[in-house]
Amino acid sequence: MKKFNWGIIGTGWIAHDMADALNKVNGEIYAAANPNEEALRAFVQEKHVQHAFNNPDEMIKDPSIDIIYIATPHTFHYDYIKKALNAGKHVFCEKAITVNAQQFDEVAQLAKEKHLILMEGFTLYHMPIYQKMQDMIKTGKFGDIKMIQINFGSLKEYNPQNRFFNKDLAGGALLDIGGYATAFAISFMDEYPESINTTVKFFETGVDEESGIILKNSKGQMAVMSLSMRAKQPKRGLVSGTKGYFEINQYPRGTEAYITYTQSAHEESYDKVTAGNADQALEYEVTDFQKYIEQGHDEGELEKSRMIAHILTSIRTAWGMTYPFDNEE
């Protein structure tokens, strides 16, 4: 596999983890950018980065860079993606890839026109356990899939200025953790949801604190999602069919599926499937992303991100929750 030069925008904890992953697989950390000079200097020294830029725009223009990795708050993603694609770079962007469906459609079309790979950082698409469970579903082990249940609750210390709670920084549980739950849901639904029912509680800052969401498609399959930023919940995804169900804990980086086969209303048997390593989640992502570049297509992953972006935007519309920049072009 070719060795690609990566340029990293942002130096927060996820950028640190990504740098570690790149150093373990066939990825070269060519450059990093952050207007915060102190944070940039520390990152470059710790991760042995070759070049440092205070201005991300200048790094994006560097002809030696093949891939731009974006690890900034959500509100900066759209502009950096456009600049990187227009500079001829492939783009790996952390979730949420954009703050609304309109922005997503624009950058996805631009990537298509430029013949470049654009990918959103959802680890679960790359964890080996998911392919194993999909293979089992295809063989009929679980019968017809009927119901999916997903929980994700974190306990953030409330600070109105923090990006998690700040409307100006696209805060709220939906964009921060709702994408993971939605990604799990659409991974096991046969069709795109045609209806969304939801209820929400807001913080005083106007962003969502917690919500309940039900997705339903034309086949009658339903996904029930529970999200919170002020009440810890297990990261649990459960998929139920007419012949059994399975549960994946810590599902964004899941490695185990606990299976219950329901032969009848009163007879059950149990199994467990294991695959992958949670500590290698970002390595799986990087390996697949670089493979997509070499083969020239992303195996449908950007289409999944399109579904997620449109679902999340529809949910916010139902809530009447807008961001100040939603209508900007």
C-alpha atoms as a PDB file:
ATOM      1  CA  MET A   1       0.000   0.000   0.000  1.00  0.00           C
ATOM      2  CA  LYS A   2       1.204   3.499  -0.844  1.00  0.00           C
ATOM      3  CA  LYS A   3       2.334   5.687   2.042  1.00  0.00           C
ATOM      4  CA  PHE A   4       0.165   8.811   2.156  1.00  0.00           C
ATOM      5  CA  ASN A   5       1.139  12.149   3.672  1.00  0.00           C
ATOM      6  CA  TRP A   6      -1.433  13.356   6.207  1.00  0.00           C
ATOM      7  CA  GLY A   7      -2.057  16.893   7.391  1.00  0.00           C
ATOM      8  CA  ILE A   8      -3.925  17.205  10.698  1.00  0.00           C
ATOM      9  CA  ILE A   9      -6.105  20.217  11.557  1.00  0.00           C
ATOM     10  CA  GLY A  10      -6.668  20.422  15.302  1.00  0.00           C
ATOM     11  CA  THR A  11      -4.626  19.053  18.196  1.00  0.00           C
ATOM     12  CA  GLY A  12      -7.235  17.870  20.708  1.00  0.00           C
ATOM     13  CA  TRP A  13      -7.493  14.402  22.242  1.00  0.00           C
ATOM     14  CA  ILE A  14      -8.931  12.722  19.128  1.00  0.00           C
ATOM     15  CA  ALA A  15      -6.115  14.189  17.010  1.00  0.00           C
ATOM     16  CA  HIS A  16      -3.624  12.727  19.497  1.00  0.00           C
ATOM     17  CA  ASP A  17      -5.265   9.313  19.176  1.00  0.00           C
ATOM     18  CA  MET A  18      -5.331   9.568  15.386  1.00  0.00           C
ATOM     19  CA  ALA A  19      -1.647  10.486  15.301  1.00  0.00           C
ATOM     20  CA  ASP A  20      -0.882   7.367  17.337  1.00  0.00           C
ATOM     21  CA  ALA A  21      -2.916   5.277  14.891  1.00  0.00           C
ATOM     22  CA  LEU A  22      -1.130   6.789  11.892  1.00  0.00           C
ATOM     23  CA  ASN A  23       2.212   5.962  13.461  1.00  0.00           C
ATOM     24  CA  LYS A  24       1.143   2.314  13.756  1.00  0.00           C
ATOM     25  CA  VAL A  25      -0.137   1.858  10.212  1.00  0.00           C
ATOM     26  CA  ASN A  26       1.114   3.019   6.845  1.00  0.00           C
ATOM     27  CA  GLY A  27       0.339   6.721   7.307  1.00  0.00           C
ATOM     28  CA  GLU A  28       2.834   9.580   7.451  1.00  0.00           C
ATOM     29  CA  ILE A  29       2.052  12.565   9.705  1.00  0.00           C
ATOM     30  CA  TYR A  30       3.540  15.162   7.396  1.00  0.00           C
ATOM     31  CA  ALA A  31       2.052  18.273   9.029  1.00  0.00           C
ATOM     32  CA  ALA A  32      -0.242  19.632  11.721  1.00  0.00           C
ATOM     33  CA  ALA A  33      -2.044  22.956  12.031  1.00  0.00           C
ATOM     34  CA  ASN A  34      -3.521  24.895  14.926  1.00  0.00           C
ATOM     35  CA  PRO A  35      -3.733  28.672  15.519  1.00  0.00           C
ATOM     36  CA  ASN A  36      -2.875  27.931  19.168  1.00  0.00           C
ATOM     37  CA  GLU A  37       0.913  27.993  18.918  1.00  0.00           C
ATOM     38  CA  GLU A  38       1.573  26.428  22.317  1.00  0.00           C
ATOM     39  CA  ALA A  39      -0.763  23.478  21.690  1.00  0.00           C
ATOM     40  CA  LEU A  40       0.663  23.043  18.196  1.00  0.00           C
ATOM     41  CA  ARG A  41       4.259  23.015  19.422  1.00  0.00           C
ATOM     42  CA  ALA A  42       3.494  20.393  22.062  1.00  0.00           C
ATOM     43  CA  PHE A  43       1.632  18.205  19.557  1.00  0.00           C
ATOM     44  CA  VAL A  44       4.363  18.388  16.924  1.00  0.00           C
ATOM     45  CA  GLN A  45       7.061  17.478  19.437  1.00  0.00           C
ATOM     46  CA  GLU A  46       5.134  14.634  21.037  1.00  0.00           C
ATOM     47  CA  LYS A  47       3.949  13.050  17.772  1.00  0.00           C
ATOM     48  CA  HIS A  48       7.141  13.703  15.760  1.00  0.00           C
ATOM     49  CA  VAL A  49       5.350  15.729  13.083  1.00  0.00           C
ATOM     50  CA  GLN A  50       7.550  17.042  10.281  1.00  0.00           C
ATOM     51  CA  HIS A  51       5.914  20.430   9.641  1.00  0.00           C
ATOM     52  CA  ALA A  52       3.842  22.846  11.732  1.00  0.00           C
ATOM     53  CA  PHE A  53       1.409  25.508  10.513  1.00  0.00           C
ATOM     54  CA  ASN A  54      -0.334  28.172  12.591  1.00  0.00           C
ATOM     55  CA  ASN A  55      -2.700  28.743   9.665  1.00  0.00           C
ATOM     56  CA  PRO A  56      -4.624  25.624   8.543  1.00  0.00           C
ATOM     57  CA  ASP A  57      -5.335  27.261   5.168  1.00  0.00           C
ATOM     58  CA  GLU A  58      -1.607  27.380   4.447  1.00  0.00           C
ATOM     59  CA  MET A  59      -1.188  23.715   5.339  1.00  0.00           C
ATOM     60  CA  ILE A  60      -4.058  22.739   3.055  1.00  0.00           C
ATOM     61  CA  LYS A  61      -2.215  24.369   0.127  1.00  0.00           C
ATOM     62  CA  ASP A  62       0.955  22.310   0.682  1.00  0.00           C
ATOM     63  CA  PRO A  63       1.363  20.145  -2.459  1.00  0.00           C
ATOM     64  CA  SER A  64       3.109  17.378  -0.504  1.00  0.00           C
ATOM     65  CA  ILE A  65      -0.040  16.541   1.483  1.00  0.00           C
ATOM     66  CA  ASP A  66      -2.378  13.816   0.191  1.00  0.00           C
ATOM     67  CA  ILE A  67      -4.956  13.712   3.004  1.00  0.00           C
ATOM     68  CA  ILE A  68      -6.417  16.326   5.319  1.00  0.00           C
ATOM     69  CA  TYR A  69      -7.708  15.053   8.663  1.00  0.00           C
ATOM     70  CA  ILE A  70     -10.130  17.456  10.382  1.00  0.00           C
ATOM     71  CA  ALA A  71     -10.411  17.240  14.174  1.00  0.00           C
ATOM     72  CA  THR A  72     -11.947  20.607  15.049  1.00  0.00           C
ATOM     73  CA  PRO A  73     -15.320  21.588  16.551  1.00  0.00           C
ATOM     74  CA  HIS A  74     -18.263  20.862  14.214  1.00  0.00           C
ATOM     75  CA  THR A  75     -18.726  24.435  13.043  1.00  0.00           C
ATOM     76  CA  PHE A  76     -15.349  24.506  11.281  1.00  0.00           C
ATOM     77  CA  HIS A  77     -15.759  21.237   9.358  1.00  0.00           C
ATOM     78  CA  TYR A  78     -17.692  22.555   6.363  1.00  0.00           C
ATOM     79  CA  ASP A  79     -15.216  25.312   5.453  1.00  0.00           C
ATOM     80  CA  TYR A  80     -12.149  23.133   5.911  1.00  0.00           C
ATOM     81  CA  ILE A  81     -13.659  20.286   3.894  1.00  0.00           C
ATOM     82  CA  LYS A  82     -14.408  22.623   0.984  1.00  0.00           C
ATOM     83  CA  LYS A  83     -10.948  24.172   1.078  1.00  0.00           C
ATOM     84  CA  ALA A  84      -9.250  20.774   1.217  1.00  0.00           C
ATOM     85  CA  LEU A  85     -11.294  19.285  -1.619  1.00  0.00           C
ATOM     86  CA  ASN A  86     -10.726  22.353  -3.778  1.00  0.00           C
ATOM     87  CA  ALA A  87      -6.998  21.936  -3.104  1.00  0.00           C
ATOM     88  CA  GLY A  88      -7.168  18.364  -4.407  1.00  0.00           C
ATOM     89  CA  LYS A  89      -6.892  16.614  -1.041  1.00  0.00           C
ATOM     90  CA  HIS A  90      -8.764  13.568   0.182  1.00  0.00           C
ATOM     91  CA  VAL A  91     -10.566  14.346   3.433  1.00  0.00           C
ATOM     92  CA  PHE A  92     -11.142  12.351   6.608  1.00  0.00           C
ATOM     93  CA  CYS A  93     -13.382  14.416   8.910  1.00  0.00           C
ATOM     94  CA  GLU A  94     -14.492  13.629  12.427  1.00  0.00           C
ATOM     95  CA  LYS A  95     -18.211  13.418  13.094  1.00  0.00           C
ATOM     96  CA  ALA A  96     -20.462  15.261  12.717  1.00  0.00           C
ATOM     97  CA  ILE A  97     -19.055  15.804   9.246  1.00  0.00           C
ATOM     98  CA  THR A  98     -21.268  18.876   8.777  1.00  0.00           C
ATOM     99  CA  VAL A  99     -23.871  20.591  10.942  1.00  0.00           C
ATOM    100  CA  ASN A 100     -26.767  20.056   8.523  1.00  0.00           C
ATOM    101  CA  ALA A 101     -27.867  18.180   5.413  1.00  0.00           C
ATOM    102  CA  GLN A 102     -27.475  21.193   3.132  1.00  0.00           C
ATOM    103  CA  GLN A 103     -23.791  21.491   3.952  1.00  0.00           C
ATOM    104  CA  PHE A 104     -23.311  17.747   3.587  1.00  0.00           C
ATOM    105  CA  ASP A 105     -24.893  17.589   0.131  1.00  0.00           C
ATOM    106  CA  GLU A 106     -22.637  20.396  -1.054  1.00  0.00           C
ATOM    107  CA  VAL A 107     -19.353  18.856   0.103  1.00  0.00           C
ATOM    108  CA  ALA A 108     -20.373  15.365  -1.056  1.00  0.00           C
ATOM    109  CA  GLN A 109     -21.087  16.717  -4.539  1.00  0.00           C
ATOM    110  CA  LEU A 110     -17.766  18.560  -4.540  1.00  0.00           C
ATOM    111  CA  ALA A 111     -15.892  15.377  -3.601  1.00  0.00           C
ATOM    112  CA  LYS A 112     -17.646  13.558  -6.439  1.00  0.00           C
ATOM    113  CA  GLU A 113     -16.762  16.271  -8.953  1.00  0.00           C
ATOM    114  CA  LYS A 114     -13.133  16.287  -7.823  1.00  0.00           C
ATOM    115  CA  HIS A 115     -12.892  12.453  -7.790  1.00  0.00           C
ATOM    116  CA  LEU A 116     -11.705  12.555  -4.177  1.00  0.00           C
ATOM    117  CA  ILE A 117     -12.563  10.413  -1.162  1.00  0.00           C
ATOM    118  CA  LEU A 118     -14.451  12.126   1.662  1.00  0.00           C
ATOM    119  CA  MET A 119     -15.108  10.087   4.804  1.00  0.00           C
ATOM    120  CA  GLU A 120     -16.696  10.723   8.195  1.00  0.00           C
ATOM    121  CA  GLY A 121     -15.085   9.282  11.315  1.00  0.00           C
ATOM    122  CA  PHE A 122     -17.531   6.608  12.449  1.00  0.00           C
ATOM    123  CA  THR A 123     -15.471   3.814  13.968  1.00  0.00           C
ATOM    124  CA  LEU A 124     -18.311   1.302  14.046  1.00  0.00           C
ATOM    125  CA  TYR A 125     -18.296   0.963  10.244  1.00  0.00           C
ATOM    126  CA  HIS A 126     -14.776  -0.414  10.493  1.00  0.00           C
ATOM    127  CA  MET A 127     -14.988  -2.664  13.547  1.00  0.00           C
ATOM    128  CA  PRO A 128     -14.789  -6.344  12.478  1.00  0.00           C
ATOM    129  CA  ILE A 129     -17.696  -7.385  14.735  1.00  0.00           C
ATOM    130  CA  TYR A 130     -20.170  -5.559  12.497  1.00  0.00           C
ATOM    131  CA  GLN A 131     -19.251  -7.484   9.376  1.00  0.00           C
ATOM    132  CA  LYS A 132     -19.576 -10.729  11.354  1.00  0.00           C
ATOM    133  CA  MET A 133     -23.060  -9.815  12.542  1.00  0.00           C
ATOM    134  CA  GLN A 134     -24.147  -8.691   9.080  1.00  0.00           C
ATOM    135  CA  ASP A 135     -22.993 -12.041   7.695  1.00  0.00           C
ATOM    136  CA  MET A 136     -25.042 -13.857  10.348  1.00  0.00           C
ATOM    137  CA  ILE A 137     -28.122 -11.767   9.544  1.00  0.00           C
ATOM    138  CA  LYS A 138     -27.773 -12.629   5.843  1.00  0.00           C
ATOM    139  CA  THR A 139     -27.777 -16.349   6.649  1.00  0.00           C
ATOM    140  CA  GLY A 140     -31.106 -15.952   8.466  1.00  0.00           C
ATOM    141  CA  LYS A 141     -29.784 -16.640  11.972  1.00  0.00           C
ATOM    142  CA  PHE A 142     -31.989 -13.916  13.453  1.00  0.00           C
ATOM    143  CA  GLY A 143     -34.935 -14.181  11.088  1.00  0.00           C
ATOM    144  CA  ASP A 144     -36.474 -10.904   9.945  1.00  0.00           C
ATOM    145  CA  ILE A 145     -35.026  -7.869  11.726  1.00  0.00           C
ATOM    146  CA  LYS A 146     -37.850  -6.014  13.463  1.00  0.00           C
ATOM    147  CA  MET A 147     -36.539  -3.713  16.183  1.00  0.00           C
ATOM    148  CA  ILE A 148     -33.304  -1.891  16.988  1.00  0.00           C
ATOM    149  CA  GLN A 149     -32.634  -0.163  20.311  1.00  0.00           C
ATOM    150  CA  ILE A 150     -29.710   2.177  20.921  1.00  0.00           C
ATOM    151  CA  ASN A 151     -28.627   3.993  24.073  1.00  0.00           C
ATOM    152  CA  PHE A 152     -25.914   6.612  24.417  1.00  0.00           C
ATOM    153  CA  GLY A 153     -25.702   8.807  27.497  1.00  0.00           C
ATOM    154  CA  SER A 154     -22.761  10.864  28.681  1.00  0.00           C
ATOM    155  CA  LEU A 155     -22.363  13.019  31.774  1.00  0.00           C
ATOM    156  CA  LYS A 156     -20.873  16.351  30.760  1.00  0.00           C
ATOM    157  CA  GLU A 157     -20.165  19.015  33.368  1.00  0.00           C
ATOM    158  CA  TYR A 158     -22.487  21.868  32.487  1.00  0.00           C
ATOM    159  CA  ASN A 159     -20.713  24.960  31.169  1.00  0.00           C
ATOM    160  CA  PRO A 160     -22.674  27.254  28.815  1.00  0.00           C
ATOM    161  CA  GLN A 161     -19.438  28.322  27.098  1.00  0.00           C
ATOM    162  CA  ASN A 162     -18.269  24.769  26.400  1.00  0.00           C
ATOM    163  CA  ARG A 163     -18.839  23.594  22.825  1.00  0.00           C
ATOM    164  CA  PHE A 164     -21.115  20.783  24.028  1.00  0.00           C
ATOM    165  CA  PHE A 165     -23.672  23.313  25.299  1.00  0.00           C
ATOM    166  CA  ASN A 166     -23.009  26.276  23.010  1.00  0.00           C
ATOM    167  CA  LYS A 167     -25.407  26.906  20.115  1.00  0.00           C
ATOM    168  CA  ASP A 168     -22.801  28.973  18.284  1.00  0.00           C
ATOM    169  CA  LEU A 169     -20.553  25.881  18.234  1.00  0.00           C
ATOM    170  CA  ALA A 170     -23.295  23.444  17.129  1.00  0.00           C
ATOM    171  CA  GLY A 171     -23.654  21.983  20.615  1.00  0.00           C
ATOM    172  CA  GLY A 172     -26.127  19.425  21.897  1.00  0.00           C
ATOM    173  CA  ALA A 173     -26.335  15.671  22.310  1.00  0.00           C
ATOM    174  CA  LEU A 174     -27.697  15.038  18.814  1.00  0.00           C
ATOM    175  CA  LEU A 175     -24.627  16.181  16.888  1.00  0.00           C
ATOM    176  CA  ASP A 176     -22.168  15.023  19.527  1.00  0.00           C
ATOM    177  CA  ILE A 177     -23.408  11.474  20.145  1.00  0.00           C
ATOM    178  CA  GLY A 178     -26.589  11.069  18.090  1.00  0.00           C
ATOM    179  CA  GLY A 179     -24.629  10.304  14.953  1.00  0.00           C
ATOM    180  CA  TYR A 180     -23.237   7.142  16.548  1.00  0.00           C
ATOM    181  CA  ALA A 181     -26.719   5.921  17.458  1.00  0.00           C
ATOM    182  CA  THR A 182     -28.069   6.741  14.000  1.00  0.00           C
ATOM    183  CA  ALA A 183     -25.120   5.002  12.334  1.00  0.00           C
ATOM    184  CA  PHE A 184     -25.880   1.859  14.338  1.00  0.00           C
ATOM    185  CA  ALA A 185     -29.570   2.065  13.405  1.00  0.00           C
ATOM    186  CA  ILE A 186     -29.118   2.409   9.653  1.00  0.00           C
ATOM    187  CA  SER A 187     -26.493  -0.338   9.657  1.00  0.00           C
ATOM    188  CA  PHE A 188     -29.234  -2.842  10.480  1.00  0.00           C
ATOM    189  CA  MET A 189     -32.307  -1.288   8.838  1.00  0.00           C
ATOM    190  CA  ASP A 190     -33.036  -2.610   5.354  1.00  0.00           C
ATOM    191  CA  GLU A 191     -34.348   0.727   4.089  1.00  0.00           C
ATOM    192  CA  TYR A 192     -34.013   4.430   4.836  1.00  0.00           C
ATOM    193  CA  PRO A 193     -36.483   5.585   7.523  1.00  0.00           C
ATOM    194  CA  GLU A 194     -39.640   7.186   6.159  1.00  0.00           C
ATOM    195  CA  SER A 195     -40.928   8.542   9.469  1.00  0.00           C
ATOM    196  CA  ILE A 196     -39.346  10.108  12.551  1.00  0.00           C
ATOM    197  CA  ASN A 197     -41.054  10.618  15.910  1.00  0.00           C
ATOM    198  CA  THR A 198     -39.158  12.420  18.629  1.00  0.00           C
ATOM    199  CA  THR A 199     -39.322  14.333  21.876  1.00  0.00           C
ATOM    200  CA  VAL A 200     -36.641  16.498  23.448  1.00  0.00           C
ATOM    201  CA  LYS A 201     -35.557  18.441  26.528  1.00  0.00           C
ATOM    202  CA  PHE A 202     -33.398  21.529  25.989  1.00  0.00           C
ATOM    203  CA  PHE A 203     -30.656  23.179  27.993  1.00  0.00           C
ATOM    204  CA  GLU A 204     -31.172  26.860  28.812  1.00  0.00           C
ATOM    205  CA  THR A 205     -28.653  27.587  26.025  1.00  0.00           C
ATOM    206  CA  GLY A 206     -31.124  26.224  23.474  1.00  0.00           C
ATOM    207  CA  VAL A 207     -29.360  22.980  22.533  1.00  0.00           C
ATOM    208  CA  ASP A 208     -30.694  19.496  23.228  1.00  0.00           C
ATOM    209  CA  GLU A 209     -29.918  17.900  26.586  1.00  0.00           C
ATOM    210  CA  GLU A 210     -31.702  14.587  26.064  1.00  0.00           C
ATOM    211  CA  SER A 211     -34.086  13.074  23.567  1.00  0.00           C
ATOM    212  CA  GLY A 212     -36.025  10.024  22.516  1.00  0.00           C
ATOM    213  CA  ILE A 213     -36.174   9.230  18.800  1.00  0.00           C
ATOM    214  CA  ILE A 214     -38.051   6.556  16.833  1.00  0.00           C
ATOM    215  CA  LEU A 215     -37.160   5.842  13.213  1.00  0.00           C
ATOM    216  CA  LYS A 216     -39.459   3.668  11.076  1.00  0.00           C
ATOM    217  CA  ASN A 217     -39.133   2.512   7.477  1.00  0.00           C
ATOM    218  CA  SER A 218     -41.647   1.190   4.944  1.00  0.00           C
ATOM    219  CA  LYS A 219     -40.959  -2.423   5.999  1.00  0.00           C
ATOM    220  CA  GLY A 220     -42.072  -1.594   9.536  1.00  0.00           C
ATOM    221  CA  GLN A 221     -38.587  -1.878  11.018  1.00  0.00           C
ATOM    222  CA  MET A 222     -38.120   0.508  13.927  1.00  0.00           C
ATOM    223  CA  ALA A 223     -35.090   1.944  15.671  1.00  0.00           C
ATOM    224  CA  VAL A 224     -35.535   3.512  19.111  1.00  0.00           C
ATOM    225  CA  MET A 225     -32.747   5.842  20.222  1.00  0.00           C
ATOM    226  CA  SER A 226     -32.174   7.323  23.685  1.00  0.00           C
ATOM    227  CA  LEU A 227     -29.641  10.173  23.982  1.00  0.00           C
ATOM    228  CA  SER A 228     -28.478  12.267  26.916  1.00  0.00           C
ATOM    229  CA  MET A 229     -25.617  14.571  27.853  1.00  0.00           C
ATOM    230  CA  ARG A 230     -26.497  14.781  31.551  1.00  0.00           C
ATOM    231  CA  ALA A 231     -27.324  11.165  32.414  1.00  0.00           C
ATOM    232  CA  LYS A 232     -24.857   8.360  31.911  1.00  0.00           C
ATOM    233  CA  GLN A 233     -26.201   5.390  29.938  1.00  0.00           C
ATOM    234  CA  PRO A 234     -24.496   2.280  28.641  1.00  0.00           C
ATOM    235  CA  LYS A 235     -23.395   2.554  25.022  1.00  0.00           C
ATOM    236  CA  ARG A 236     -25.596  -0.345  24.027  1.00  0.00           C
ATOM    237  CA  GLY A 237     -27.041  -1.391  20.687  1.00  0.00           C
ATOM    238  CA  LEU A 238     -29.564  -4.218  20.462  1.00  0.00           C
ATOM    239  CA  VAL A 239     -30.902  -5.771  17.249  1.00  0.00           C
ATOM    240  CA  SER A 240     -34.006  -7.997  17.474  1.00  0.00           C
ATOM    241  CA  GLY A 241     -35.384 -10.383  14.877  1.00  0.00           C
ATOM    242  CA  THR A 242     -38.032 -13.086  14.668  1.00  0.00           C
ATOM    243  CA  LYS A 243     -35.509 -15.798  15.597  1.00  0.00           C
ATOM    244  CA  GLY A 244     -33.346 -14.006  18.141  1.00  0.00           C
ATOM    245  CA  TYR A 245     -31.469 -10.883  19.092  1.00  0.00           C
ATOM    246  CA  PHE A 246     -27.955  -9.679  19.784  1.00  0.00           C
ATOM    247  CA  GLU A 247     -26.481  -6.921  21.895  1.00  0.00           C
ATOM    248  CA  ILE A 248     -23.255  -5.004  21.302  1.00  0.00           C
ATOM    249  CA  ASN A 249     -21.951  -3.028  24.257  1.00  0.00           C
ATOM    250  CA  GLN A 250     -19.654  -0.021  23.778  1.00  0.00           C
ATOM    251  CA  TYR A 251     -20.947  -0.211  20.229  1.00  0.00           C
ATOM    252  CA  PRO A 252     -18.945   2.661  18.642  1.00  0.00           C
ATOM    253  CA  ARG A 253     -15.890   0.445  19.144  1.00  0.00           C
ATOM    254  CA  GLY A 254     -17.629  -2.828  19.912  1.00  0.00           C
ATOM    255  CA  THR A 255     -15.827  -6.161  19.805  1.00  0.00           C
ATOM    256  CA  GLU A 256     -18.381  -8.590  21.277  1.00  0.00           C
ATOM    257  CA  ALA A 257     -21.960  -9.532  20.438  1.00  0.00           C
ATOM    258  CA  TYR A 258     -24.056 -11.369  23.027  1.00  0.00           C
ATOM    259  CA  ILE A 259     -26.625 -13.493  21.228  1.00  0.00           C
ATOM    260  CA  THR A 260     -29.949 -14.935  22.341  1.00  0.00           C
ATOM    261  CA  TYR A 261     -31.710 -17.311  19.946  1.00  0.00           C
ATOM    262  CA  THR A 262     -35.472 -17.530  20.563  1.00  0.00           C
ATOM    263  CA  GLN A 263     -36.609 -20.905  19.269  1.00  0.00           C
ATOM    264  CA  SER A 264     -40.005 -20.350  20.856  1.00  0.00           C
ATOM    265  CA  ALA A 265     -41.691 -18.124  23.427  1.00  0.00           C
ATOM    266  CA  HIS A 266     -40.304 -20.334  26.216  1.00  0.00           C
ATOM    267  CA  GLU A 267     -37.070 -21.742  24.779  1.00  0.00           C
ATOM    268  CA  GLU A 268     -33.835 -19.818  24.353  1.00  0.00           C
ATOM    269  CA  SER A 269     -30.171 -20.551  23.669  1.00  0.00           C
ATOM    270  CA  TYR A 270     -27.162 -18.300  23.954  1.00  0.00           C
ATOM    271  CA  ASP A 271     -23.932 -17.559  22.147  1.00  0.00           C
ATOM    272  CA  LYS A 272     -21.194 -14.960  21.980  1.00  0.00           C
ATOM    273  CA  VAL A 273     -19.234 -13.696  18.990  1.00  0.00           C
ATOM    274  CA  THR A 274     -15.952 -11.814  19.335  1.00  0.00           C
ATOM    275  CA  ALA A 275     -14.016  -9.908  16.680  1.00  0.00           C
ATOM    276  CA  GLY A 276     -11.541  -7.050  16.565  1.00  0.00           C
ATOM    277  CA  ASN A 277      -9.795  -4.938  19.168  1.00  0.00           C
ATOM    278  CA  ALA A 278     -11.262  -1.697  20.531  1.00  0.00           C
ATOM    279  CA  ASP A 279      -7.791  -0.206  20.929  1.00  0.00           C
ATOM    280  CA  GLN A 280      -7.274  -0.542  17.171  1.00  0.00           C
ATOM    281  CA  ALA A 281     -10.490   1.255  16.147  1.00  0.00           C
ATOM    282  CA  LEU A 282      -8.740   4.231  14.570  1.00  0.00           C
ATOM    283  CA  GLU A 283      -6.217   1.960  12.884  1.00  0.00           C
ATOM    284  CA  TYR A 284      -9.098   0.114  11.214  1.00  0.00           C
ATOM    285  CA  GLU A 285     -10.498   3.468  10.043  1.00  0.00           C
ATOM    286  CA  VAL A 286      -7.187   4.666   8.618  1.00  0.00           C
ATOM    287  CA  THR A 287      -6.518   1.366   6.861  1.00  0.00           C
ATOM    288  CA  ASP A 288      -9.948   1.353   5.220  1.00  0.00           C
ATOM    289  CA  PHE A 289      -9.749   5.031   4.260  1.00  0.00           C
ATOM    290  CA  GLN A 290      -6.397   4.600   2.541  1.00  0.00           C
ATOM    291  CA  LYS A 291      -7.774   1.494   0.813  1.00  0.00           C
ATOM    292  CA  TYR A 292     -10.718   3.551  -0.477  1.00  0.00           C
ATOM    293  CA  ILE A 293      -8.287   6.066  -1.965  1.00  0.00           C
ATOM    294  CA  GLU A 294      -6.280   3.367  -3.712  1.00  0.00           C
ATOM    295  CA  GLN A 295      -9.345   1.635  -5.146  1.00  0.00           C
ATOM    296  CA  GLY A 296     -11.094   4.898  -6.052  1.00  0.00           C
ATOM    297  CA  HIS A 297     -14.395   4.324  -4.217  1.00  0.00           C
ATOM    298  CA  ASP A 298     -15.606   4.209  -0.611  1.00  0.00           C
ATOM    299  CA  GLU A 299     -17.859   1.113  -0.694  1.00  0.00           C
ATOM    300  CA  GLY A 300     -20.964   3.196   0.041  1.00  0.00           C
ATOM    301  CA  GLU A 301     -19.736   4.817   3.238  1.00  0.00           C
ATOM    302  CA  LEU A 302     -20.411   8.430   2.208  1.00  0.00           C
ATOM    303  CA  GLU A 303     -23.973   7.438   1.320  1.00  0.00           C
ATOM    304  CA  LYS A 304     -24.439   6.281   4.914  1.00  0.00           C
ATOM    305  CA  SER A 305     -23.168   9.657   6.085  1.00  0.00           C
ATOM    306  CA  ARG A 306     -25.684  11.324   3.767  1.00  0.00           C
ATOM    307  CA  MET A 307     -28.498   9.361   5.413  1.00  0.00           C
ATOM    308  CA  ILE A 308     -27.268  10.324   8.874  1.00  0.00           C
ATOM    309  CA  ALA A 309     -26.930  14.021   7.988  1.00  0.00           C
ATOM    310  CA  HIS A 310     -30.477  14.111   6.604  1.00  0.00           C
ATOM    311  CA  ILE A 311     -31.933  12.194   9.564  1.00  0.00           C
ATOM    312  CA  LEU A 312     -30.238  14.471  12.114  1.00  0.00           C
ATOM    313  CA  THR A 313     -31.394  17.574  10.252  1.00  0.00           C
ATOM    314  CA  SER A 314     -34.964  16.226  10.122  1.00  0.00           C
ATOM    315  CA  ILE A 315     -34.870  15.600  13.870  1.00  0.00           C
ATOM    316  CA  ARG A 316     -33.719  19.143  14.585  1.00  0.00           C
ATOM    317  CA  THR A 317     -36.421  20.481  12.276  1.00  0.00           C
ATOM    318  CA  ALA A 318     -39.036  18.521  14.227  1.00  0.00           C
ATOM    319  CA  TRP A 319     -37.701  20.054  17.434  1.00  0.00           C
ATOM    320  CA  GLY A 320     -37.622  23.560  16.000  1.00  0.00           C
ATOM    321  CA  MET A 321     -33.951  23.746  16.965  1.00  0.00           C
ATOM    322  CA  THR A 322     -31.759  25.798  14.646  1.00  0.00           C
ATOM    323  CA  TYR A 323     -28.163  26.949  14.681  1.00  0.00           C
ATOM    324  CA  PRO A 324     -27.221  30.555  13.809  1.00  0.00           C
ATOM    325  CA  PHE A 325     -25.399  29.388  10.673  1.00  0.00           C
ATOM    326  CA  ASP A 326     -27.961  26.872   9.342  1.00  0.00           C
ATOM    327  CA  ASN A 327     -28.942  29.032   6.374  1.00  0.00           C
ATOM    328  CA  GLU A 328     -25.465  30.238   5.488  1.00  0.00           C
ATOM    329  CA  GLU A 329     -23.983  29.202   2.159  1.00  0.00           C
END
